[in-house]
């Protein structure tokens, strides 16, 4: 039975770790928030005193952290974690970070004889809890095949995007598109309602027409259209606007590095930064609806 060190037990990490426990894996877990560790211990995990303690004797190390600086700090700082992971250990870095940061950690891991994959996820907290996440994987084929049973315990779709850092590139492209389509959906919903259409009627017409998209299918931003969408519970839960802004920033960094033209992505980042200034950082990202009809959700 594989021994897994799981570092980072936030809104995504905790349910992912729980699904590994349900699949029969042995977990040694660490998080800076003790209550998060306690929750996993109650589910059957062992508690580590530190990240360094967590990786002792591990066959696999999985990390799920907020941003690039946290990942680089964990693995690459003086006396970072890579110096304490045994050669031959498989490292799965599932955070959403800059592709350049992922490649930097890949290179350092390789120098120490460690196989590593960058494997950011899509599917949100609901997908993490249900074990239906999509993994976008960067790294070599051999490491992916070793990791596949673990990914299958946590997700439904596993895509090999390409070499080191490719998983992160795929993730920022996906989330840029997600932001753009959510903004467009919110704008169209507000336009239709302002011109006398009933929100549910308009949503269904667009859903079944050429404007149909993921937001209209499962995540409508207009309150009351979909009972289980965050919009219908005052935009609570789900994927926070501040995280979408972070991911859009990463997309712009990638665009700058490759001299790519991304006017829609740039505008989306500006709109989400405006939402943060308006106090909606911790609301679901569909709260962008408020930019087009500020009365919604109040």
Protein backbone atom coordinates (compact mmCIF):
# COMPACT_ATOMS: atom_id res chain seq x y z
CA UNK A 1 0.00 0.00 0.00
CA UNK A 2 1.42 3.39 -0.99
CA UNK A 3 2.22 5.91 1.75
CA UNK A 4 1.16 9.39 0.65
CA UNK A 5 2.23 12.72 2.11
CA UNK A 6 -0.53 15.28 1.44
CA UNK A 7 0.35 18.93 2.07
CA UNK A 8 -2.34 21.59 1.86
CA UNK A 9 -5.82 20.77 3.16
CA UNK A 10 -7.87 23.75 2.04
CA UNK A 11 -11.21 23.78 0.24
CA UNK A 12 -9.79 21.55 -2.53
CA UNK A 13 -7.04 19.63 -0.77
CA UNK A 14 -9.16 18.28 2.08
CA UNK A 15 -11.79 16.51 -0.08
CA UNK A 16 -9.09 15.25 -2.45
CA UNK A 17 -7.21 13.73 0.49
CA UNK A 18 -10.45 12.27 1.83
CA UNK A 19 -11.07 10.47 -1.45
CA UNK A 20 -7.59 8.95 -1.32
CA UNK A 21 -8.40 7.64 2.16
CA UNK A 22 -11.65 6.17 0.84
CA UNK A 23 -9.64 4.42 -1.88
CA UNK A 24 -7.54 2.72 0.79
CA UNK A 25 -4.33 4.77 0.67
CA UNK A 26 -2.33 5.61 3.79
CA UNK A 27 -2.01 9.37 4.28
CA UNK A 28 0.28 11.50 6.41
CA UNK A 29 -1.13 15.03 6.21
CA UNK A 30 0.00 18.55 7.03
CA UNK A 31 -1.57 22.00 6.89
CA UNK A 32 -0.86 25.25 8.70
CA UNK A 33 -4.47 25.21 9.94
CA UNK A 34 -4.75 22.60 12.66
CA UNK A 35 -8.51 22.16 12.31
CA UNK A 36 -7.98 21.06 8.69
CA UNK A 37 -5.51 18.41 9.87
CA UNK A 38 -7.90 17.29 12.61
CA UNK A 39 -10.66 16.75 10.06
CA UNK A 40 -8.48 14.39 8.01
CA UNK A 41 -7.26 12.57 11.11
CA UNK A 42 -10.90 11.92 12.01
CA UNK A 43 -11.30 10.36 8.54
CA UNK A 44 -8.32 8.04 9.09
CA UNK A 45 -5.18 9.99 8.18
CA UNK A 46 -2.07 10.44 10.31
CA UNK A 47 -1.05 13.95 11.37
CA UNK A 48 2.43 15.25 10.57
CA UNK A 49 4.13 17.90 12.69
CA UNK A 50 5.48 19.68 9.61
CA UNK A 51 5.75 19.32 5.85
CA UNK A 52 9.20 17.80 6.33
CA UNK A 53 7.78 15.28 8.79
CA UNK A 54 4.96 14.42 6.36
CA UNK A 55 7.33 13.29 3.59
CA UNK A 56 9.38 10.91 5.71
CA UNK A 57 8.87 7.41 4.30
CA UNK A 58 6.43 8.65 1.64
CA UNK A 59 6.15 6.94 -1.74
CA UNK A 60 4.20 9.90 -3.14
CA UNK A 61 4.06 13.58 -2.17
CA UNK A 62 0.98 15.60 -3.15
CA UNK A 63 0.75 19.35 -2.60
CA UNK A 64 -2.26 21.64 -3.04
CA UNK A 65 -1.33 25.22 -2.17
CA UNK A 66 -2.74 28.69 -2.94
CA UNK A 67 -0.16 30.23 -5.30
CA UNK A 68 3.26 30.10 -6.97
CA UNK A 69 5.13 31.68 -4.07
CA UNK A 70 3.82 29.06 -1.66
CA UNK A 71 4.86 26.20 -3.94
CA UNK A 72 8.32 27.63 -4.59
CA UNK A 73 8.71 28.33 -0.89
CA UNK A 74 7.75 24.79 0.05
CA UNK A 75 10.04 23.02 -2.40
CA UNK A 76 12.84 25.44 -3.29
CA UNK A 77 13.66 27.63 -0.27
CA UNK A 78 16.88 27.04 1.63
CA UNK A 79 16.41 23.64 3.23
CA UNK A 80 13.23 23.25 1.13
CA UNK A 81 11.23 20.07 0.94
CA UNK A 82 13.06 18.65 -2.08
CA UNK A 83 16.13 18.19 0.11
CA UNK A 84 14.13 15.88 2.40
CA UNK A 85 12.24 13.73 -0.12
CA UNK A 86 13.87 10.38 -0.85
CA UNK A 87 15.10 9.82 -4.43
CA UNK A 88 12.57 7.83 -6.45
CA UNK A 89 9.59 9.45 -4.73
CA UNK A 90 6.82 10.68 -7.02
CA UNK A 91 5.82 14.35 -6.53
CA UNK A 92 2.38 15.51 -7.68
CA UNK A 93 1.99 19.29 -7.56
CA UNK A 94 -1.73 20.01 -7.94
CA UNK A 95 -1.82 23.73 -7.17
CA UNK A 96 -2.65 26.26 -9.88
CA UNK A 97 0.59 28.21 -10.35
CA UNK A 98 2.56 29.99 -13.07
CA UNK A 99 3.93 27.64 -15.74
CA UNK A 100 7.37 29.16 -15.16
CA UNK A 101 7.18 28.26 -11.46
CA UNK A 102 6.13 24.71 -12.31
CA UNK A 103 9.06 24.29 -14.68
CA UNK A 104 11.44 25.63 -12.03
CA UNK A 105 10.26 23.04 -9.48
CA UNK A 106 10.34 20.29 -12.14
CA UNK A 107 14.00 21.08 -12.89
CA UNK A 108 14.99 21.11 -9.23
CA UNK A 109 13.16 17.84 -8.59
CA UNK A 110 14.83 16.16 -11.54
CA UNK A 111 18.27 17.18 -10.22
CA UNK A 112 17.47 15.27 -7.03
CA UNK A 113 16.25 12.14 -8.81
CA UNK A 114 12.58 12.83 -8.22
CA UNK A 115 9.80 12.27 -10.75
CA UNK A 116 7.35 15.15 -10.75
CA UNK A 117 4.09 16.09 -12.45
CA UNK A 118 2.32 19.44 -12.42
CA UNK A 119 -1.33 18.46 -12.25
CA UNK A 120 -3.73 21.34 -11.61
CA UNK A 121 -7.41 20.50 -11.43
CA UNK A 122 -10.76 21.73 -12.67
CA UNK A 123 -14.14 20.95 -11.17
CA UNK A 124 -14.27 23.09 -8.05
CA UNK A 125 -15.06 22.05 -4.50
CA UNK A 126 -18.06 20.00 -5.62
CA UNK A 127 -15.89 18.01 -8.02
CA UNK A 128 -13.24 17.55 -5.36
CA UNK A 129 -15.81 16.16 -2.92
CA UNK A 130 -17.45 13.91 -5.53
CA UNK A 131 -14.15 12.62 -6.90
CA UNK A 132 -14.96 13.90 -10.38
CA UNK A 133 -12.12 16.39 -10.92
CA UNK A 134 -10.33 16.90 -14.22
CA UNK A 135 -6.54 16.66 -13.98
CA UNK A 136 -4.41 18.57 -16.52
CA UNK A 137 -1.01 16.97 -16.34
CA UNK A 138 2.45 18.17 -17.34
CA UNK A 139 5.45 15.84 -17.23
CA UNK A 140 6.62 12.55 -18.68
CA UNK A 141 4.52 9.52 -19.59
CA UNK A 142 6.17 7.13 -17.14
CA UNK A 143 5.44 9.35 -14.15
CA UNK A 144 1.85 9.80 -15.31
CA UNK A 145 1.25 6.06 -15.46
CA UNK A 146 2.58 5.70 -11.91
CA UNK A 147 0.28 8.49 -10.77
CA UNK A 148 -2.82 7.42 -12.71
CA UNK A 149 -4.40 5.26 -9.95
CA UNK A 150 -4.11 8.20 -7.55
CA UNK A 151 -5.66 10.62 -10.02
CA UNK A 152 -8.45 8.12 -10.67
CA UNK A 153 -9.22 8.04 -6.94
CA UNK A 154 -9.72 11.81 -6.99
CA UNK A 155 -11.04 12.54 -10.47
CA UNK A 156 -12.85 11.40 -13.57
CA UNK A 157 -10.85 12.95 -16.43
CA UNK A 158 -7.06 12.79 -16.76
CA UNK A 159 -5.42 14.67 -19.63
CA UNK A 160 -1.72 14.57 -20.46
CA UNK A 161 -1.25 18.12 -21.67
CA UNK A 162 2.44 17.74 -22.53
CA UNK A 163 5.88 18.23 -20.95
CA UNK A 164 6.88 20.08 -17.77
CA UNK A 165 4.53 23.00 -17.06
CA UNK A 166 2.00 22.04 -19.74
CA UNK A 167 -0.65 21.22 -17.16
CA UNK A 168 -0.43 24.75 -15.82
CA UNK A 169 -0.66 26.24 -19.31
CA UNK A 170 -3.82 24.21 -19.97
CA UNK A 171 -5.30 25.32 -16.65
CA UNK A 172 -4.79 29.04 -17.18
CA UNK A 173 -6.20 28.78 -20.72
CA UNK A 174 -9.27 26.96 -19.39
CA UNK A 175 -9.88 29.44 -16.59
CA UNK A 176 -9.43 32.43 -18.85
CA UNK A 177 -12.11 31.01 -21.13
CA UNK A 178 -14.32 30.23 -18.12
CA UNK A 179 -14.10 33.85 -16.93
CA UNK A 180 -14.87 35.24 -20.38
CA UNK A 181 -17.92 33.02 -20.88
CA UNK A 182 -19.21 33.81 -17.38
CA UNK A 183 -18.88 37.54 -18.01
CA UNK A 184 -20.65 37.21 -21.37
CA UNK A 185 -23.44 35.17 -19.81
CA UNK A 186 -23.93 37.70 -17.00
CA UNK A 187 -24.02 40.58 -19.47
CA UNK A 188 -26.57 38.84 -21.68
CA UNK A 189 -28.78 37.89 -18.72
CA UNK A 190 -28.84 41.50 -17.51
CA UNK A 191 -29.59 42.80 -21.01
CA UNK A 192 -32.52 40.45 -21.50
CA UNK A 193 -34.08 41.11 -18.10
CA UNK A 194 -33.66 44.87 -18.55
CA UNK A 195 -35.66 44.52 -21.75
CA UNK A 196 -38.55 42.66 -20.18
CA UNK A 197 -37.61 38.97 -20.44
CA UNK A 198 -38.10 36.58 -17.54
CA UNK A 199 -34.69 35.35 -16.39
CA UNK A 200 -35.49 31.63 -16.47
CA UNK A 201 -37.07 31.88 -19.92
CA UNK A 202 -34.09 33.75 -21.35
CA UNK A 203 -31.62 31.34 -19.75
CA UNK A 204 -33.35 28.33 -21.30
CA UNK A 205 -33.57 29.94 -24.74
CA UNK A 206 -29.85 30.71 -24.74
CA UNK A 207 -28.95 27.34 -23.25
CA UNK A 208 -30.60 25.55 -26.16
CA UNK A 209 -29.35 27.97 -28.81
CA UNK A 210 -25.97 28.86 -30.31
CA UNK A 211 -25.05 30.87 -27.22
CA UNK A 212 -25.23 27.77 -25.02
CA UNK A 213 -22.26 27.29 -22.68
CA UNK A 214 -21.20 25.69 -19.38
CA UNK A 215 -22.52 28.56 -17.26
CA UNK A 216 -25.96 28.29 -18.83
CA UNK A 217 -25.92 24.51 -18.37
CA UNK A 218 -24.94 24.24 -14.71
CA UNK A 219 -23.83 27.58 -13.18
CA UNK A 220 -26.15 30.40 -14.21
CA UNK A 221 -25.06 33.70 -12.59
CA UNK A 222 -28.59 35.11 -12.22
CA UNK A 223 -30.12 34.39 -8.77
CA UNK A 224 -33.09 32.04 -8.80
CA UNK A 225 -32.50 30.54 -12.24
CA UNK A 226 -30.69 27.47 -10.87
CA UNK A 227 -31.52 26.43 -7.33
CA UNK A 228 -28.14 24.82 -6.63
CA UNK A 229 -25.92 27.45 -8.26
CA UNK A 230 -23.98 29.84 -5.99
CA UNK A 231 -25.99 32.76 -7.44
CA UNK A 232 -29.09 31.41 -5.68
CA UNK A 233 -27.38 31.45 -2.27
CA UNK A 234 -26.01 34.98 -2.44
CA UNK A 235 -22.92 33.81 -4.35
CA UNK A 236 -21.59 31.88 -1.37
CA UNK A 237 -19.42 28.79 -1.79
CA UNK A 238 -17.99 27.70 -5.11
CA UNK A 239 -14.87 29.22 -6.71
CA UNK A 240 -13.99 32.55 -5.13
CA UNK A 241 -13.64 35.66 -7.27
CA UNK A 242 -10.19 36.32 -5.80
CA UNK A 243 -9.01 32.93 -7.09
CA UNK A 244 -10.37 33.67 -10.54
CA UNK A 245 -8.50 36.98 -10.49
CA UNK A 246 -5.33 35.12 -9.50
CA UNK A 247 -5.72 32.65 -12.38
CA UNK A 248 -6.44 35.43 -14.87
CA UNK A 249 -3.26 37.11 -13.68
CA UNK A 250 -1.35 33.90 -14.38
CA UNK A 251 -2.88 33.80 -17.87
CA UNK A 252 -1.66 37.33 -18.49
CA UNK A 253 1.82 36.38 -17.31
CA UNK A 254 1.82 33.50 -19.80
CA UNK A 255 0.58 35.82 -22.53
CA UNK A 256 3.36 38.29 -21.79
CA UNK A 257 5.98 35.54 -21.83
CA UNK A 258 4.81 34.30 -25.24
CA UNK A 259 3.93 37.71 -26.74
CA UNK A 260 0.33 36.50 -27.16
CA UNK A 261 -2.58 38.84 -27.75
CA UNK A 262 -5.33 38.19 -25.15
CA UNK A 263 -7.65 41.23 -25.12
CA UNK A 264 -10.61 39.29 -23.71
CA UNK A 265 -8.46 37.81 -20.96
CA UNK A 266 -7.06 41.23 -20.12
CA UNK A 267 -10.55 42.74 -19.87
CA UNK A 268 -11.73 39.81 -17.76
CA UNK A 269 -8.87 40.38 -15.30
CA UNK A 270 -9.75 44.08 -15.04
CA UNK A 271 -13.39 43.26 -14.31
CA UNK A 272 -12.52 40.71 -11.63
CA UNK A 273 -10.07 43.10 -10.00
CA UNK A 274 -12.90 45.64 -9.90
CA UNK A 275 -15.06 43.07 -8.12
CA UNK A 276 -12.34 42.56 -5.52
CA UNK A 277 -12.20 46.32 -4.88
CA UNK A 278 -15.99 46.27 -4.42
CA UNK A 279 -15.67 43.72 -1.61
CA UNK A 280 -16.63 40.52 -3.43
CA UNK A 281 -13.29 38.70 -3.16
CA UNK A 282 -14.72 35.74 -1.23
CA UNK A 283 -17.95 35.43 -3.22
CA UNK A 284 -18.24 32.90 -6.03
CA UNK A 285 -16.85 34.15 -9.34
CA UNK A 286 -20.36 34.26 -10.84
CA UNK A 287 -20.81 37.37 -8.68
CA UNK A 288 -19.59 39.20 -11.80
CA UNK A 289 -23.34 39.45 -12.48
CA UNK A 290 -23.37 42.38 -10.05
CA UNK A 291 -21.32 44.49 -12.45
CA UNK A 292 -24.25 44.41 -14.88
CA UNK A 293 -27.14 44.47 -12.39
CA UNK A 294 -25.91 45.54 -8.93
CA UNK A 295 -29.31 44.77 -7.33
CA UNK A 296 -28.84 41.03 -7.86
CA UNK A 297 -27.80 39.09 -4.76
CA UNK A 298 -28.45 42.01 -2.38
